[in-house]
Amino acid sequence: MDDVMQREFHVREGKVPSVSTVEMTELVLPNDTNLLGNLLGGRLMHWIDIAGAMAASRHSNSTVATVALDSLDFRHPIRVGELVILKAKLTWTGRTSMEVTVNVYAENTKNGNVIFTNTAFITFVALDDNGEPAPVPSLIPETEGEKKDFIEAELRRNRRLRRKDT
């Protein structure tokens, strides 16, 4: 199958993760920090939710609502004056829901060092014009890493559904 036919198939049947990837950058200002000059966790969660929602909206071509945040690990503080780089990418789709992984990095603008600080797994549901769940295009993982991410996302979903049932 030639490249044009392959792209048409992806558009018709689903989308590859790279189509909806989002990179967002924020500057940490004093108002974003605690008394120690570190970024507030709630502010970071807000930015993660926005980046994730943009990726999910791109994939589904619809308004989305946050359904679940499976995990958010804080590995390294982000300080006032640093840049926060958020990279959001779809990892799984169901009928109306999507998982987005958001990786967070801190960039020191004085020396250029970039440090990985956080990962979050967020589930969104696509909504129609009446606010009801709407079908989403399937996700077509291309790389081995994307295929692994898809399987791991499905496992997280199954664990989340089991917790919900108990």
N, C-alpha and C. Protein backbone atom coordinates (compact mmCIF):
# COMPACT_ATOMS: atom_id res chain seq x y z
N MET A 1 0.85 -1.18 0.00
CA MET A 1 0.00 0.00 0.00
C MET A 1 0.90 1.24 0.00
N ASP A 2 0.65 2.17 -0.92
CA ASP A 2 1.50 3.36 -0.98
C ASP A 2 1.14 4.34 0.15
N ASP A 3 1.99 5.36 0.35
CA ASP A 3 1.84 6.29 1.46
C ASP A 3 0.51 7.02 1.46
N VAL A 4 0.04 7.43 0.28
CA VAL A 4 -1.22 8.16 0.20
C VAL A 4 -2.37 7.27 0.64
N MET A 5 -2.41 6.05 0.14
CA MET A 5 -3.47 5.12 0.53
C MET A 5 -3.40 4.83 2.02
N GLN A 6 -2.18 4.67 2.57
CA GLN A 6 -2.01 4.40 3.99
C GLN A 6 -2.55 5.56 4.83
N ARG A 7 -2.23 6.80 4.47
CA ARG A 7 -2.73 7.96 5.19
C ARG A 7 -4.25 8.03 5.11
N GLU A 8 -4.82 7.74 3.94
CA GLU A 8 -6.27 7.77 3.80
C GLU A 8 -6.92 6.71 4.69
N PHE A 9 -6.29 5.54 4.79
CA PHE A 9 -6.80 4.49 5.65
C PHE A 9 -6.81 4.96 7.09
N HIS A 10 -5.72 5.60 7.54
CA HIS A 10 -5.64 6.08 8.93
C HIS A 10 -6.70 7.15 9.20
N VAL A 11 -6.95 8.01 8.25
CA VAL A 11 -7.96 9.05 8.44
C VAL A 11 -9.34 8.41 8.54
N ARG A 12 -9.61 7.41 7.71
CA ARG A 12 -10.91 6.76 7.70
C ARG A 12 -11.11 5.87 8.93
N GLU A 13 -10.12 5.09 9.28
CA GLU A 13 -10.25 4.07 10.33
C GLU A 13 -9.81 4.53 11.71
N GLY A 14 -8.96 5.54 11.77
CA GLY A 14 -8.43 5.99 13.05
C GLY A 14 -7.30 6.97 12.82
N LYS A 15 -6.61 7.28 13.90
CA LYS A 15 -5.52 8.24 13.82
C LYS A 15 -4.29 7.70 14.54
N VAL A 16 -3.14 8.10 14.05
CA VAL A 16 -1.88 7.73 14.71
C VAL A 16 -1.63 8.73 15.84
N PRO A 17 -0.89 8.33 16.88
CA PRO A 17 -0.67 9.22 18.02
C PRO A 17 -0.03 10.56 17.68
N SER A 18 0.86 10.58 16.68
CA SER A 18 1.57 11.82 16.36
C SER A 18 0.65 12.94 15.86
N VAL A 19 -0.52 12.59 15.36
CA VAL A 19 -1.46 13.58 14.82
C VAL A 19 -1.98 14.51 15.92
N SER A 20 -2.10 14.00 17.13
CA SER A 20 -2.73 14.78 18.20
C SER A 20 -1.76 15.19 19.31
N THR A 21 -0.49 14.95 19.13
CA THR A 21 0.49 15.30 20.15
C THR A 21 0.49 16.80 20.41
N VAL A 22 0.63 17.17 21.69
CA VAL A 22 0.65 18.57 22.10
C VAL A 22 1.90 18.82 22.92
N GLU A 23 2.58 19.94 22.65
CA GLU A 23 3.66 20.40 23.52
C GLU A 23 3.30 21.81 23.97
N MET A 24 3.28 22.00 25.27
CA MET A 24 2.87 23.27 25.87
C MET A 24 3.98 23.71 26.82
N THR A 25 4.28 25.00 26.83
CA THR A 25 5.32 25.53 27.70
C THR A 25 4.75 26.64 28.56
N GLU A 26 5.07 26.61 29.84
CA GLU A 26 4.63 27.63 30.79
C GLU A 26 5.85 28.13 31.57
N LEU A 27 5.83 29.38 31.96
CA LEU A 27 6.87 29.97 32.81
C LEU A 27 6.35 29.98 34.24
N VAL A 28 7.16 29.47 35.18
CA VAL A 28 6.76 29.46 36.58
C VAL A 28 7.03 30.84 37.18
N LEU A 29 5.96 31.53 37.54
CA LEU A 29 6.03 32.86 38.14
C LEU A 29 5.83 32.76 39.65
N PRO A 30 6.20 33.80 40.39
CA PRO A 30 6.04 33.74 41.86
C PRO A 30 4.64 33.37 42.32
N ASN A 31 3.62 33.80 41.60
CA ASN A 31 2.24 33.49 41.97
C ASN A 31 1.91 32.00 41.81
N ASP A 32 2.75 31.26 41.08
CA ASP A 32 2.53 29.83 40.85
C ASP A 32 3.20 28.96 41.90
N THR A 33 3.90 29.57 42.87
CA THR A 33 4.76 28.79 43.77
C THR A 33 4.30 28.84 45.22
N ASN A 34 4.87 27.91 45.99
CA ASN A 34 4.63 27.89 47.43
C ASN A 34 5.68 28.76 48.13
N LEU A 35 5.73 28.72 49.44
CA LEU A 35 6.67 29.55 50.21
C LEU A 35 8.13 29.20 49.97
N LEU A 36 8.38 28.00 49.44
CA LEU A 36 9.74 27.57 49.14
C LEU A 36 10.19 27.96 47.74
N GLY A 37 9.28 28.56 46.96
CA GLY A 37 9.60 28.94 45.59
C GLY A 37 9.45 27.80 44.60
N ASN A 38 8.76 26.72 45.01
CA ASN A 38 8.51 25.57 44.14
C ASN A 38 7.10 25.64 43.57
N LEU A 39 6.95 25.17 42.34
CA LEU A 39 5.65 25.16 41.68
C LEU A 39 4.63 24.40 42.53
N LEU A 40 3.46 25.00 42.68
CA LEU A 40 2.36 24.35 43.39
C LEU A 40 1.88 23.12 42.61
N GLY A 41 1.63 22.03 43.33
CA GLY A 41 1.15 20.82 42.68
C GLY A 41 -0.17 21.02 41.96
N GLY A 42 -1.04 21.82 42.56
CA GLY A 42 -2.35 22.08 41.94
C GLY A 42 -2.22 22.85 40.63
N ARG A 43 -1.27 23.78 40.58
CA ARG A 43 -1.06 24.54 39.34
C ARG A 43 -0.54 23.60 38.26
N LEU A 44 0.39 22.72 38.63
CA LEU A 44 0.91 21.75 37.66
C LEU A 44 -0.21 20.83 37.18
N MET A 45 -1.07 20.38 38.09
CA MET A 45 -2.18 19.52 37.69
C MET A 45 -3.10 20.24 36.70
N HIS A 46 -3.32 21.54 36.93
CA HIS A 46 -4.14 22.33 36.01
C HIS A 46 -3.53 22.36 34.61
N TRP A 47 -2.22 22.61 34.54
CA TRP A 47 -1.54 22.65 33.24
C TRP A 47 -1.55 21.28 32.57
N ILE A 48 -1.37 20.22 33.35
CA ILE A 48 -1.40 18.85 32.81
C ILE A 48 -2.78 18.57 32.22
N ASP A 49 -3.82 18.96 32.93
CA ASP A 49 -5.19 18.73 32.45
C ASP A 49 -5.44 19.47 31.14
N ILE A 50 -4.95 20.70 31.05
CA ILE A 50 -5.13 21.48 29.82
C ILE A 50 -4.40 20.83 28.64
N ALA A 51 -3.13 20.46 28.84
CA ALA A 51 -2.35 19.83 27.76
C ALA A 51 -3.00 18.52 27.33
N GLY A 52 -3.43 17.72 28.30
CA GLY A 52 -4.08 16.45 27.98
C GLY A 52 -5.39 16.65 27.23
N ALA A 53 -6.17 17.63 27.66
CA ALA A 53 -7.46 17.90 27.00
C ALA A 53 -7.25 18.37 25.56
N MET A 54 -6.19 19.17 25.32
CA MET A 54 -5.93 19.61 23.95
C MET A 54 -5.60 18.42 23.05
N ALA A 55 -4.80 17.48 23.55
CA ALA A 55 -4.46 16.30 22.75
C ALA A 55 -5.70 15.45 22.49
N ALA A 56 -6.52 15.25 23.52
CA ALA A 56 -7.74 14.45 23.36
C ALA A 56 -8.73 15.13 22.40
N SER A 57 -8.83 16.46 22.48
CA SER A 57 -9.71 17.19 21.57
C SER A 57 -9.23 17.09 20.13
N ARG A 58 -7.91 17.18 19.95
CA ARG A 58 -7.36 17.03 18.60
C ARG A 58 -7.69 15.66 18.02
N HIS A 59 -7.55 14.64 18.85
CA HIS A 59 -7.80 13.28 18.36
C HIS A 59 -9.28 13.08 18.03
N SER A 60 -10.15 13.54 18.91
CA SER A 60 -11.58 13.27 18.77
C SER A 60 -12.34 14.32 17.97
N ASN A 61 -11.69 15.46 17.71
CA ASN A 61 -12.36 16.58 17.06
C ASN A 61 -13.65 16.96 17.79
N SER A 62 -13.55 16.96 19.12
CA SER A 62 -14.72 17.31 19.92
C SER A 62 -14.28 17.89 21.26
N THR A 63 -15.24 18.42 21.98
CA THR A 63 -15.02 18.85 23.35
C THR A 63 -14.83 17.60 24.19
N VAL A 64 -13.96 17.68 25.19
CA VAL A 64 -13.71 16.52 26.04
C VAL A 64 -13.87 16.91 27.50
N ALA A 65 -14.14 15.91 28.32
CA ALA A 65 -14.22 16.11 29.77
C ALA A 65 -13.26 15.13 30.44
N THR A 66 -12.63 15.58 31.50
CA THR A 66 -11.73 14.73 32.27
C THR A 66 -12.56 13.74 33.07
N VAL A 67 -12.20 12.45 32.97
CA VAL A 67 -12.92 11.40 33.67
C VAL A 67 -12.10 10.87 34.84
N ALA A 68 -10.80 10.71 34.63
CA ALA A 68 -9.96 10.11 35.67
C ALA A 68 -8.52 10.55 35.50
N LEU A 69 -7.84 10.62 36.63
CA LEU A 69 -6.40 10.82 36.66
C LEU A 69 -5.85 9.61 37.40
N ASP A 70 -5.22 8.70 36.64
CA ASP A 70 -4.76 7.45 37.26
C ASP A 70 -3.58 7.66 38.18
N SER A 71 -2.65 8.49 37.78
CA SER A 71 -1.51 8.72 38.65
C SER A 71 -0.81 10.00 38.24
N LEU A 72 -0.15 10.58 39.21
CA LEU A 72 0.67 11.75 38.97
C LEU A 72 1.82 11.65 39.96
N ASP A 73 3.00 11.38 39.45
CA ASP A 73 4.18 11.20 40.29
C ASP A 73 5.02 12.47 40.26
N PHE A 74 5.33 12.99 41.44
CA PHE A 74 6.21 14.16 41.56
C PHE A 74 7.62 13.66 41.86
N ARG A 75 8.51 13.80 40.88
CA ARG A 75 9.87 13.27 41.01
C ARG A 75 10.91 14.35 41.34
N HIS A 76 10.61 15.58 40.95
CA HIS A 76 11.60 16.65 41.11
C HIS A 76 10.86 17.98 41.21
N PRO A 77 11.24 18.84 42.16
CA PRO A 77 10.55 20.13 42.24
C PRO A 77 10.87 21.02 41.04
N ILE A 78 9.92 21.87 40.69
CA ILE A 78 10.10 22.86 39.63
C ILE A 78 10.10 24.21 40.31
N ARG A 79 11.12 25.02 40.02
CA ARG A 79 11.31 26.26 40.77
C ARG A 79 10.87 27.49 39.98
N VAL A 80 10.61 28.55 40.73
CA VAL A 80 10.23 29.82 40.14
C VAL A 80 11.28 30.23 39.11
N GLY A 81 10.84 30.73 37.97
CA GLY A 81 11.75 31.15 36.91
C GLY A 81 12.07 30.07 35.90
N GLU A 82 11.72 28.83 36.20
CA GLU A 82 11.97 27.74 35.25
C GLU A 82 10.81 27.62 34.27
N LEU A 83 11.10 27.01 33.12
CA LEU A 83 10.06 26.70 32.15
C LEU A 83 9.52 25.31 32.44
N VAL A 84 8.22 25.14 32.32
CA VAL A 84 7.59 23.83 32.43
C VAL A 84 7.19 23.43 31.02
N ILE A 85 7.69 22.28 30.58
CA ILE A 85 7.38 21.76 29.25
C ILE A 85 6.50 20.53 29.44
N LEU A 86 5.30 20.58 28.88
CA LEU A 86 4.35 19.48 29.00
C LEU A 86 4.17 18.84 27.63
N LYS A 87 4.37 17.54 27.54
CA LYS A 87 4.23 16.80 26.28
C LYS A 87 3.11 15.78 26.45
N ALA A 88 2.01 16.02 25.74
CA ALA A 88 0.82 15.17 25.85
C ALA A 88 0.67 14.33 24.58
N LYS A 89 0.35 13.05 24.80
CA LYS A 89 0.23 12.12 23.66
C LYS A 89 -0.82 11.07 23.99
N LEU A 90 -1.70 10.78 23.03
CA LEU A 90 -2.67 9.72 23.21
C LEU A 90 -1.97 8.37 23.28
N THR A 91 -2.45 7.53 24.23
CA THR A 91 -1.87 6.20 24.36
C THR A 91 -2.91 5.10 24.17
N TRP A 92 -4.21 5.47 24.26
CA TRP A 92 -5.26 4.44 24.14
C TRP A 92 -6.59 5.11 23.81
N THR A 93 -7.43 4.40 23.07
CA THR A 93 -8.80 4.85 22.86
C THR A 93 -9.75 3.68 23.04
N GLY A 94 -10.92 4.01 23.56
CA GLY A 94 -12.03 3.06 23.63
C GLY A 94 -13.11 3.54 22.68
N ARG A 95 -14.36 3.31 23.03
CA ARG A 95 -15.46 3.74 22.17
C ARG A 95 -15.67 5.26 22.27
N THR A 96 -15.70 5.78 23.50
CA THR A 96 -15.89 7.22 23.70
C THR A 96 -14.79 7.85 24.55
N SER A 97 -13.91 7.03 25.10
CA SER A 97 -12.88 7.55 26.00
C SER A 97 -11.49 7.38 25.42
N MET A 98 -10.58 8.18 25.98
CA MET A 98 -9.19 8.20 25.50
C MET A 98 -8.27 8.37 26.70
N GLU A 99 -7.13 7.69 26.68
CA GLU A 99 -6.10 7.96 27.68
C GLU A 99 -5.01 8.80 27.04
N VAL A 100 -4.59 9.82 27.77
CA VAL A 100 -3.49 10.68 27.35
C VAL A 100 -2.40 10.60 28.42
N THR A 101 -1.18 10.42 27.99
CA THR A 101 -0.04 10.49 28.90
C THR A 101 0.59 11.86 28.74
N VAL A 102 0.84 12.52 29.86
CA VAL A 102 1.48 13.83 29.85
C VAL A 102 2.80 13.70 30.61
N ASN A 103 3.90 13.94 29.91
CA ASN A 103 5.22 13.97 30.53
C ASN A 103 5.61 15.42 30.75
N VAL A 104 6.18 15.70 31.91
CA VAL A 104 6.51 17.07 32.31
C VAL A 104 8.02 17.19 32.52
N TYR A 105 8.56 18.29 32.02
CA TYR A 105 9.99 18.59 32.15
C TYR A 105 10.16 20.00 32.67
N ALA A 106 11.22 20.23 33.43
CA ALA A 106 11.57 21.58 33.88
C ALA A 106 12.85 21.99 33.17
N GLU A 107 12.83 23.20 32.62
CA GLU A 107 14.02 23.73 31.94
C GLU A 107 14.54 24.94 32.70
N ASN A 108 15.79 24.86 33.11
CA ASN A 108 16.46 25.99 33.74
C ASN A 108 16.93 26.91 32.62
N THR A 109 16.36 28.11 32.56
CA THR A 109 16.67 29.01 31.44
C THR A 109 18.07 29.62 31.55
N LYS A 110 18.68 29.55 32.73
CA LYS A 110 20.02 30.12 32.90
C LYS A 110 21.12 29.21 32.37
N ASN A 111 20.92 27.89 32.54
CA ASN A 111 21.97 26.97 32.07
C ASN A 111 21.49 25.99 31.00
N GLY A 112 20.19 26.01 30.68
CA GLY A 112 19.65 25.16 29.63
C GLY A 112 19.38 23.72 30.03
N ASN A 113 19.66 23.35 31.28
CA ASN A 113 19.41 21.98 31.73
C ASN A 113 17.92 21.68 31.73
N VAL A 114 17.56 20.50 31.24
CA VAL A 114 16.18 20.03 31.22
C VAL A 114 16.11 18.77 32.06
N ILE A 115 15.15 18.75 32.99
CA ILE A 115 15.00 17.61 33.89
C ILE A 115 13.57 17.07 33.78
N PHE A 116 13.45 15.74 33.64
CA PHE A 116 12.14 15.10 33.66
C PHE A 116 11.61 15.17 35.09
N THR A 117 10.36 15.64 35.26
CA THR A 117 9.83 15.81 36.62
C THR A 117 8.58 14.99 36.92
N ASN A 118 7.73 14.75 35.95
CA ASN A 118 6.44 14.12 36.24
C ASN A 118 5.89 13.36 35.04
N THR A 119 5.04 12.40 35.36
CA THR A 119 4.21 11.73 34.36
C THR A 119 2.81 11.65 34.91
N ALA A 120 1.83 11.88 34.06
CA ALA A 120 0.42 11.74 34.46
C ALA A 120 -0.32 10.95 33.39
N PHE A 121 -1.27 10.13 33.83
CA PHE A 121 -2.14 9.36 32.94
C PHE A 121 -3.56 9.84 33.17
N ILE A 122 -4.16 10.45 32.14
CA ILE A 122 -5.49 11.04 32.29
C ILE A 122 -6.44 10.42 31.27
N THR A 123 -7.66 10.14 31.71
CA THR A 123 -8.70 9.64 30.82
C THR A 123 -9.70 10.75 30.55
N PHE A 124 -10.02 10.92 29.28
CA PHE A 124 -11.01 11.91 28.83
C PHE A 124 -12.11 11.19 28.08
N VAL A 125 -13.29 11.77 28.09
CA VAL A 125 -14.39 11.27 27.27
C VAL A 125 -14.77 12.38 26.30
N ALA A 126 -15.03 11.99 25.05
CA ALA A 126 -15.48 12.94 24.03
C ALA A 126 -16.96 13.21 24.24
N LEU A 127 -17.35 14.47 24.01
CA LEU A 127 -18.76 14.85 24.18
C LEU A 127 -19.33 15.42 22.90
N ASP A 128 -20.61 15.10 22.64
CA ASP A 128 -21.28 15.68 21.48
C ASP A 128 -21.85 17.05 21.86
N ASP A 129 -22.59 17.67 20.97
CA ASP A 129 -23.13 19.01 21.21
C ASP A 129 -24.14 19.06 22.35
N ASN A 130 -24.67 17.91 22.75
CA ASN A 130 -25.62 17.84 23.86
C ASN A 130 -24.95 17.44 25.17
N GLY A 131 -23.62 17.31 25.14
CA GLY A 131 -22.89 16.93 26.35
C GLY A 131 -22.93 15.44 26.64
N GLU A 132 -23.33 14.66 25.66
CA GLU A 132 -23.38 13.19 25.81
C GLU A 132 -22.11 12.57 25.24
N PRO A 133 -21.67 11.41 25.79
CA PRO A 133 -20.48 10.74 25.25
C PRO A 133 -20.62 10.47 23.75
N ALA A 134 -19.52 10.73 23.02
CA ALA A 134 -19.52 10.57 21.56
C ALA A 134 -18.40 9.63 21.15
N PRO A 135 -18.61 8.83 20.11
CA PRO A 135 -17.56 7.93 19.63
C PRO A 135 -16.31 8.70 19.20
N VAL A 136 -15.15 8.06 19.40
CA VAL A 136 -13.88 8.66 19.00
C VAL A 136 -13.20 7.77 17.97
N PRO A 137 -12.35 8.35 17.13
CA PRO A 137 -11.57 7.52 16.19
C PRO A 137 -10.67 6.56 16.97
N SER A 138 -10.44 5.40 16.41
CA SER A 138 -9.52 4.48 17.07
C SER A 138 -8.10 5.05 17.01
N LEU A 139 -7.25 4.58 17.90
CA LEU A 139 -5.85 4.97 17.91
C LEU A 139 -5.05 3.88 17.21
N ILE A 140 -4.20 4.27 16.30
CA ILE A 140 -3.39 3.31 15.55
C ILE A 140 -1.92 3.49 15.93
N PRO A 141 -1.45 2.73 16.92
CA PRO A 141 -0.04 2.85 17.31
C PRO A 141 0.86 2.43 16.16
N GLU A 142 1.92 3.20 15.95
CA GLU A 142 2.85 2.90 14.85
C GLU A 142 4.14 2.23 15.32
N THR A 143 4.70 2.72 16.40
CA THR A 143 5.99 2.21 16.86
C THR A 143 5.81 1.12 17.91
N GLU A 144 6.87 0.39 18.18
CA GLU A 144 6.81 -0.62 19.24
C GLU A 144 6.51 0.03 20.58
N GLY A 145 7.08 1.21 20.82
CA GLY A 145 6.82 1.94 22.05
C GLY A 145 5.36 2.33 22.19
N GLU A 146 4.75 2.79 21.09
CA GLU A 146 3.34 3.15 21.11
C GLU A 146 2.45 1.93 21.32
N LYS A 147 2.83 0.79 20.75
CA LYS A 147 2.07 -0.44 20.96
C LYS A 147 2.15 -0.87 22.42
N LYS A 148 3.32 -0.74 23.02
CA LYS A 148 3.51 -1.06 24.44
C LYS A 148 2.69 -0.11 25.30
N ASP A 149 2.72 1.19 24.97
CA ASP A 149 1.92 2.18 25.71
C ASP A 149 0.44 1.84 25.66
N PHE A 150 -0.04 1.41 24.48
CA PHE A 150 -1.45 1.07 24.30
C PHE A 150 -1.84 -0.09 25.22
N ILE A 151 -1.02 -1.12 25.26
CA ILE A 151 -1.30 -2.29 26.11
C ILE A 151 -1.29 -1.89 27.58
N GLU A 152 -0.29 -1.10 27.99
CA GLU A 152 -0.21 -0.66 29.38
C GLU A 152 -1.40 0.23 29.75
N ALA A 153 -1.85 1.06 28.82
CA ALA A 153 -3.01 1.92 29.07
C ALA A 153 -4.27 1.06 29.27
N GLU A 154 -4.39 0.02 28.48
CA GLU A 154 -5.55 -0.86 28.62
C GLU A 154 -5.52 -1.57 29.98
N LEU A 155 -4.34 -1.94 30.44
CA LEU A 155 -4.22 -2.55 31.77
C LEU A 155 -4.62 -1.56 32.86
N ARG A 156 -4.19 -0.29 32.74
CA ARG A 156 -4.59 0.73 33.71
C ARG A 156 -6.10 0.91 33.71
N ARG A 157 -6.70 0.90 32.51
CA ARG A 157 -8.15 1.05 32.40
C ARG A 157 -8.85 -0.10 33.11
N ASN A 158 -8.39 -1.32 32.89
CA ASN A 158 -9.01 -2.48 33.53
C ASN A 158 -8.89 -2.40 35.05
N ARG A 159 -7.74 -1.96 35.56
CA ARG A 159 -7.57 -1.80 37.02
C ARG A 159 -8.52 -0.73 37.54
N ARG A 160 -8.65 0.37 36.81
CA ARG A 160 -9.53 1.46 37.21
C ARG A 160 -10.98 0.97 37.26
N LEU A 161 -11.40 0.20 36.26
CA LEU A 161 -12.78 -0.31 36.23
C LEU A 161 -13.02 -1.30 37.37
N ARG A 162 -12.02 -2.12 37.71
CA ARG A 162 -12.15 -3.04 38.84
C ARG A 162 -12.31 -2.28 40.15
N ARG A 163 -11.54 -1.20 40.33
CA ARG A 163 -11.65 -0.38 41.54
C ARG A 163 -13.04 0.25 41.63
N LYS A 164 -13.55 0.67 40.49
CA LYS A 164 -14.87 1.32 40.44
C LYS A 164 -15.97 0.35 40.86
N ASP A 165 -15.81 -0.93 40.51
CA ASP A 165 -16.83 -1.93 40.81
C ASP A 165 -16.82 -2.35 42.27
N THR A 166 -15.76 -2.05 43.01
CA THR A 166 -15.70 -2.49 44.42
C THR A 166 -16.15 -1.41 45.37
